[in-house]
Amino acid sequence: MVSQACQTCQCGVTLPQMAKSHAHAAQLRQVLRLFSLFGRPIRVIIFQRLARTPGTAGELARALPISRTAVVQHLKLLEAAGLVDASFQGKRRVYYVRREGLEPLVGWLTERVRRT
């Protein structure tokens, strides 16, 4: 029997192991999505600032070389990925980091460190 490698995530898992690897492929897609989001330095900066102190899009924009509209677009992507969330304080929408949003990345990195 010839084994074929997983084409979904290029992990090298063979087809007889595929049933176990579907969860692996889903986790890898989450990790790749996070790496992709953090591929833009401005998003990393926004995330870091919110990790230090929750804030509004306007507060972030005043401290960055981009418009408030651009900050909101970046925040929407981070929010869709589960990395940030927002709460209303009066009319203000205050964004904060959801640390559990990083769990797929932390888990993936922990696995890699254990293998070395």
N, C-alpha and C. Protein backbone atom coordinates (compact mmCIF):
# COMPACT_ATOMS: atom_id res chain seq x y z
N MET A 1 0.84 -1.18 0.00
CA MET A 1 0.00 0.00 0.00
C MET A 1 0.89 1.24 0.00
N VAL A 2 0.63 2.13 -0.92
CA VAL A 2 1.40 3.36 -1.03
C VAL A 2 0.70 4.44 -0.23
N SER A 3 1.43 5.12 0.65
CA SER A 3 0.85 6.20 1.45
C SER A 3 1.03 7.52 0.75
N GLN A 4 0.02 8.35 0.80
CA GLN A 4 0.08 9.68 0.22
C GLN A 4 0.09 10.69 1.34
N ALA A 5 0.82 11.77 1.14
CA ALA A 5 0.91 12.82 2.17
C ALA A 5 -0.34 13.70 2.13
N CYS A 6 -0.66 14.28 3.26
CA CYS A 6 -1.79 15.20 3.40
C CYS A 6 -1.60 16.40 2.47
N GLN A 7 -2.59 16.67 1.64
CA GLN A 7 -2.52 17.81 0.73
C GLN A 7 -3.12 19.06 1.35
N THR A 8 -3.87 18.91 2.43
CA THR A 8 -4.56 20.04 3.05
C THR A 8 -3.57 21.02 3.65
N CYS A 9 -2.64 20.51 4.45
CA CYS A 9 -1.76 21.43 5.18
C CYS A 9 -0.29 21.15 4.96
N GLN A 10 0.05 20.19 4.09
CA GLN A 10 1.43 19.86 3.80
C GLN A 10 2.20 19.44 5.05
N CYS A 11 1.52 18.74 5.97
CA CYS A 11 2.14 18.36 7.23
C CYS A 11 2.95 17.08 7.12
N GLY A 12 2.78 16.33 6.03
CA GLY A 12 3.50 15.09 5.88
C GLY A 12 2.77 13.90 6.47
N VAL A 13 1.58 14.09 7.02
CA VAL A 13 0.80 13.00 7.59
C VAL A 13 0.31 12.13 6.45
N THR A 14 0.41 10.80 6.59
CA THR A 14 -0.02 9.90 5.54
C THR A 14 -1.52 9.62 5.66
N LEU A 15 -2.11 9.15 4.56
CA LEU A 15 -3.56 8.94 4.52
C LEU A 15 -4.08 8.00 5.60
N PRO A 16 -3.39 6.90 5.95
CA PRO A 16 -3.91 6.08 7.04
C PRO A 16 -4.04 6.85 8.36
N GLN A 17 -3.27 7.90 8.52
CA GLN A 17 -3.34 8.71 9.73
C GLN A 17 -4.30 9.87 9.58
N MET A 18 -4.92 10.03 8.41
CA MET A 18 -5.70 11.22 8.07
C MET A 18 -6.83 11.50 9.05
N ALA A 19 -7.52 10.49 9.55
CA ALA A 19 -8.62 10.75 10.47
C ALA A 19 -8.16 11.56 11.67
N LYS A 20 -6.98 11.24 12.16
CA LYS A 20 -6.44 11.97 13.31
C LYS A 20 -5.94 13.36 12.90
N SER A 21 -5.59 13.52 11.64
CA SER A 21 -4.97 14.77 11.22
C SER A 21 -5.96 15.87 10.87
N HIS A 22 -7.25 15.55 10.75
CA HIS A 22 -8.21 16.60 10.40
C HIS A 22 -8.23 17.70 11.47
N ALA A 23 -8.18 17.29 12.73
CA ALA A 23 -8.11 18.28 13.80
C ALA A 23 -6.82 19.06 13.70
N HIS A 24 -5.75 18.37 13.34
CA HIS A 24 -4.44 19.01 13.16
C HIS A 24 -4.51 20.06 12.04
N ALA A 25 -5.16 19.70 10.94
CA ALA A 25 -5.27 20.63 9.80
C ALA A 25 -6.09 21.85 10.18
N ALA A 26 -7.15 21.66 10.94
CA ALA A 26 -7.98 22.80 11.37
C ALA A 26 -7.18 23.71 12.30
N GLN A 27 -6.41 23.10 13.20
CA GLN A 27 -5.58 23.91 14.11
C GLN A 27 -4.52 24.66 13.32
N LEU A 28 -3.93 24.01 12.35
CA LEU A 28 -2.89 24.66 11.55
C LEU A 28 -3.47 25.83 10.76
N ARG A 29 -4.69 25.67 10.24
CA ARG A 29 -5.33 26.79 9.52
C ARG A 29 -5.54 27.98 10.45
N GLN A 30 -5.94 27.72 11.70
CA GLN A 30 -6.10 28.81 12.68
C GLN A 30 -4.77 29.51 12.92
N VAL A 31 -3.72 28.73 13.07
CA VAL A 31 -2.39 29.29 13.33
C VAL A 31 -1.92 30.12 12.14
N LEU A 32 -2.11 29.59 10.94
CA LEU A 32 -1.70 30.32 9.74
C LEU A 32 -2.49 31.62 9.59
N ARG A 33 -3.75 31.59 9.97
CA ARG A 33 -4.57 32.81 9.93
C ARG A 33 -4.02 33.87 10.88
N LEU A 34 -3.60 33.43 12.08
CA LEU A 34 -3.03 34.37 13.05
C LEU A 34 -1.70 34.93 12.54
N PHE A 35 -0.85 34.05 11.98
CA PHE A 35 0.40 34.53 11.42
C PHE A 35 0.13 35.54 10.31
N SER A 36 -0.87 35.27 9.49
CA SER A 36 -1.22 36.19 8.40
C SER A 36 -1.68 37.54 8.95
N LEU A 37 -2.51 37.52 9.98
CA LEU A 37 -2.98 38.77 10.58
C LEU A 37 -1.81 39.57 11.15
N PHE A 38 -0.89 38.87 11.80
CA PHE A 38 0.24 39.57 12.40
C PHE A 38 1.35 39.84 11.39
N GLY A 39 1.10 39.52 10.13
CA GLY A 39 2.05 39.83 9.07
C GLY A 39 2.09 41.32 8.74
N ARG A 40 1.12 42.06 9.21
CA ARG A 40 1.09 43.51 9.01
C ARG A 40 1.59 44.17 10.30
N PRO A 41 2.73 44.85 10.27
CA PRO A 41 3.29 45.44 11.49
C PRO A 41 2.33 46.36 12.23
N ILE A 42 1.48 47.08 11.51
CA ILE A 42 0.57 48.01 12.18
C ILE A 42 -0.42 47.24 13.06
N ARG A 43 -0.82 46.03 12.61
CA ARG A 43 -1.73 45.22 13.43
C ARG A 43 -1.03 44.73 14.70
N VAL A 44 0.23 44.41 14.57
CA VAL A 44 1.00 43.98 15.75
C VAL A 44 1.06 45.14 16.74
N ILE A 45 1.31 46.33 16.24
CA ILE A 45 1.38 47.51 17.11
C ILE A 45 0.03 47.76 17.78
N ILE A 46 -1.05 47.68 17.02
CA ILE A 46 -2.39 47.87 17.59
C ILE A 46 -2.65 46.83 18.66
N PHE A 47 -2.34 45.58 18.36
CA PHE A 47 -2.56 44.50 19.32
C PHE A 47 -1.73 44.72 20.59
N GLN A 48 -0.47 45.10 20.43
CA GLN A 48 0.39 45.34 21.59
C GLN A 48 -0.14 46.48 22.46
N ARG A 49 -0.60 47.54 21.81
CA ARG A 49 -1.13 48.67 22.58
C ARG A 49 -2.39 48.30 23.34
N LEU A 50 -3.25 47.52 22.70
CA LEU A 50 -4.46 47.08 23.39
C LEU A 50 -4.15 46.08 24.50
N ALA A 51 -3.09 45.30 24.33
CA ALA A 51 -2.68 44.37 25.38
C ALA A 51 -2.24 45.12 26.63
N ARG A 52 -1.64 46.29 26.41
CA ARG A 52 -1.22 47.12 27.55
C ARG A 52 -2.39 47.83 28.18
N THR A 53 -3.22 48.47 27.33
CA THR A 53 -4.33 49.28 27.81
C THR A 53 -5.47 49.24 26.80
N PRO A 54 -6.67 48.86 27.22
CA PRO A 54 -7.81 48.94 26.30
C PRO A 54 -8.01 50.38 25.82
N GLY A 55 -8.54 50.54 24.62
CA GLY A 55 -8.74 51.89 24.10
C GLY A 55 -9.69 51.92 22.92
N THR A 56 -10.06 53.11 22.53
CA THR A 56 -10.96 53.31 21.39
C THR A 56 -10.14 53.42 20.11
N ALA A 57 -10.82 53.31 18.99
CA ALA A 57 -10.16 53.45 17.69
C ALA A 57 -9.54 54.84 17.56
N GLY A 58 -10.24 55.84 18.05
CA GLY A 58 -9.74 57.21 17.99
C GLY A 58 -8.47 57.39 18.80
N GLU A 59 -8.44 56.81 20.00
CA GLU A 59 -7.24 56.90 20.84
C GLU A 59 -6.05 56.22 20.17
N LEU A 60 -6.31 55.06 19.56
CA LEU A 60 -5.24 54.36 18.85
C LEU A 60 -4.75 55.18 17.65
N ALA A 61 -5.70 55.75 16.90
CA ALA A 61 -5.35 56.51 15.69
C ALA A 61 -4.51 57.75 16.01
N ARG A 62 -4.80 58.39 17.14
CA ARG A 62 -4.03 59.59 17.51
C ARG A 62 -2.55 59.26 17.74
N ALA A 63 -2.27 58.03 18.14
CA ALA A 63 -0.90 57.65 18.44
C ALA A 63 -0.22 56.91 17.27
N LEU A 64 -0.95 56.75 16.17
CA LEU A 64 -0.42 56.00 15.03
C LEU A 64 -0.43 56.86 13.76
N PRO A 65 0.40 56.50 12.78
CA PRO A 65 0.46 57.28 11.55
C PRO A 65 -0.60 56.89 10.52
N ILE A 66 -1.75 56.38 10.99
CA ILE A 66 -2.84 56.01 10.08
C ILE A 66 -4.14 56.63 10.59
N SER A 67 -5.13 56.67 9.72
CA SER A 67 -6.41 57.29 10.07
C SER A 67 -7.22 56.41 11.01
N ARG A 68 -8.21 57.02 11.62
CA ARG A 68 -9.12 56.29 12.49
C ARG A 68 -9.84 55.21 11.69
N THR A 69 -10.23 55.52 10.45
CA THR A 69 -10.91 54.55 9.59
C THR A 69 -10.04 53.33 9.36
N ALA A 70 -8.75 53.54 9.11
CA ALA A 70 -7.82 52.43 8.90
C ALA A 70 -7.68 51.61 10.18
N VAL A 71 -7.62 52.27 11.32
CA VAL A 71 -7.53 51.56 12.61
C VAL A 71 -8.76 50.68 12.79
N VAL A 72 -9.95 51.22 12.49
CA VAL A 72 -11.19 50.46 12.63
C VAL A 72 -11.16 49.22 11.73
N GLN A 73 -10.66 49.36 10.52
CA GLN A 73 -10.57 48.21 9.61
C GLN A 73 -9.66 47.12 10.19
N HIS A 74 -8.53 47.52 10.75
CA HIS A 74 -7.63 46.55 11.37
C HIS A 74 -8.28 45.92 12.60
N LEU A 75 -8.98 46.71 13.38
CA LEU A 75 -9.65 46.19 14.57
C LEU A 75 -10.74 45.18 14.19
N LYS A 76 -11.45 45.42 13.10
CA LYS A 76 -12.48 44.48 12.64
C LYS A 76 -11.87 43.13 12.30
N LEU A 77 -10.71 43.14 11.65
CA LEU A 77 -10.04 41.88 11.31
C LEU A 77 -9.57 41.16 12.57
N LEU A 78 -9.00 41.90 13.49
CA LEU A 78 -8.55 41.30 14.75
C LEU A 78 -9.75 40.77 15.55
N GLU A 79 -10.85 41.49 15.50
CA GLU A 79 -12.06 41.06 16.21
C GLU A 79 -12.64 39.79 15.57
N ALA A 80 -12.67 39.73 14.25
CA ALA A 80 -13.19 38.56 13.55
C ALA A 80 -12.36 37.31 13.85
N ALA A 81 -11.07 37.50 14.11
CA ALA A 81 -10.19 36.38 14.44
C ALA A 81 -10.26 36.01 15.91
N GLY A 82 -11.02 36.76 16.69
CA GLY A 82 -11.15 36.46 18.12
C GLY A 82 -10.00 36.96 18.96
N LEU A 83 -9.21 37.87 18.41
CA LEU A 83 -8.05 38.40 19.13
C LEU A 83 -8.39 39.62 19.97
N VAL A 84 -9.38 40.38 19.54
CA VAL A 84 -9.83 41.53 20.32
C VAL A 84 -11.35 41.50 20.40
N ASP A 85 -11.87 42.20 21.35
CA ASP A 85 -13.31 42.36 21.50
C ASP A 85 -13.55 43.80 21.93
N ALA A 86 -14.79 44.20 21.99
CA ALA A 86 -15.10 45.57 22.37
C ALA A 86 -16.30 45.60 23.30
N SER A 87 -16.31 46.61 24.13
CA SER A 87 -17.46 46.84 24.99
C SER A 87 -17.82 48.32 24.87
N PHE A 88 -19.08 48.61 25.09
CA PHE A 88 -19.52 50.00 25.02
C PHE A 88 -19.43 50.63 26.40
N GLN A 89 -18.82 51.78 26.44
CA GLN A 89 -18.79 52.61 27.65
C GLN A 89 -19.42 53.93 27.24
N GLY A 90 -20.72 54.03 27.47
CA GLY A 90 -21.46 55.18 26.95
C GLY A 90 -21.55 55.04 25.44
N LYS A 91 -21.12 56.07 24.72
CA LYS A 91 -21.10 56.02 23.26
C LYS A 91 -19.78 55.50 22.71
N ARG A 92 -18.83 55.32 23.59
CA ARG A 92 -17.49 54.88 23.16
C ARG A 92 -17.41 53.36 23.06
N ARG A 93 -16.79 52.89 22.01
CA ARG A 93 -16.54 51.46 21.82
C ARG A 93 -15.08 51.22 22.21
N VAL A 94 -14.87 50.57 23.34
CA VAL A 94 -13.53 50.35 23.88
C VAL A 94 -13.08 48.93 23.54
N TYR A 95 -11.96 48.83 22.85
CA TYR A 95 -11.41 47.55 22.42
C TYR A 95 -10.43 47.04 23.46
N TYR A 96 -10.39 45.72 23.61
CA TYR A 96 -9.44 45.08 24.52
C TYR A 96 -9.04 43.72 23.92
N VAL A 97 -7.91 43.21 24.37
CA VAL A 97 -7.37 41.95 23.87
C VAL A 97 -8.10 40.78 24.53
N ARG A 98 -8.42 39.79 23.73
CA ARG A 98 -8.95 38.51 24.22
C ARG A 98 -7.79 37.53 24.20
N ARG A 99 -7.20 37.31 25.34
CA ARG A 99 -6.01 36.46 25.41
C ARG A 99 -6.27 35.04 24.91
N GLU A 100 -7.50 34.54 25.09
CA GLU A 100 -7.81 33.20 24.62
C GLU A 100 -7.75 33.10 23.10
N GLY A 101 -7.80 34.23 22.42
CA GLY A 101 -7.66 34.23 20.97
C GLY A 101 -6.29 33.78 20.50
N LEU A 102 -5.31 33.87 21.39
CA LEU A 102 -3.95 33.44 21.05
C LEU A 102 -3.70 31.96 21.36
N GLU A 103 -4.67 31.28 21.98
CA GLU A 103 -4.46 29.89 22.38
C GLU A 103 -4.04 28.96 21.24
N PRO A 104 -4.63 29.05 20.03
CA PRO A 104 -4.16 28.17 18.96
C PRO A 104 -2.67 28.38 18.65
N LEU A 105 -2.24 29.63 18.64
CA LEU A 105 -0.84 29.94 18.35
C LEU A 105 0.07 29.47 19.48
N VAL A 106 -0.33 29.69 20.72
CA VAL A 106 0.46 29.26 21.87
C VAL A 106 0.59 27.74 21.87
N GLY A 107 -0.51 27.04 21.61
CA GLY A 107 -0.48 25.58 21.56
C GLY A 107 0.44 25.07 20.48
N TRP A 108 0.35 25.67 19.31
CA TRP A 108 1.18 25.26 18.17
C TRP A 108 2.66 25.49 18.49
N LEU A 109 2.98 26.66 19.05
CA LEU A 109 4.38 26.95 19.40
C LEU A 109 4.89 26.02 20.50
N THR A 110 4.04 25.71 21.47
CA THR A 110 4.42 24.81 22.55
C THR A 110 4.75 23.43 22.00
N GLU A 111 3.95 22.94 21.05
CA GLU A 111 4.23 21.65 20.42
C GLU A 111 5.58 21.67 19.71
N ARG A 112 5.88 22.75 19.03
CA ARG A 112 7.14 22.84 18.29
C ARG A 112 8.34 22.87 19.24
N VAL A 113 8.20 23.55 20.35
CA VAL A 113 9.29 23.65 21.33
C VAL A 113 9.55 22.29 21.96
N ARG A 114 8.49 21.52 22.22
CA ARG A 114 8.64 20.19 22.82
C ARG A 114 9.37 19.23 21.88
N ARG A 115 9.21 19.42 20.59
CA ARG A 115 9.84 18.52 19.61
C ARG A 115 11.34 18.74 19.48
N THR A 116 11.82 19.90 19.91
CA THR A 116 13.25 20.18 19.74
C THR A 116 14.06 19.68 20.90
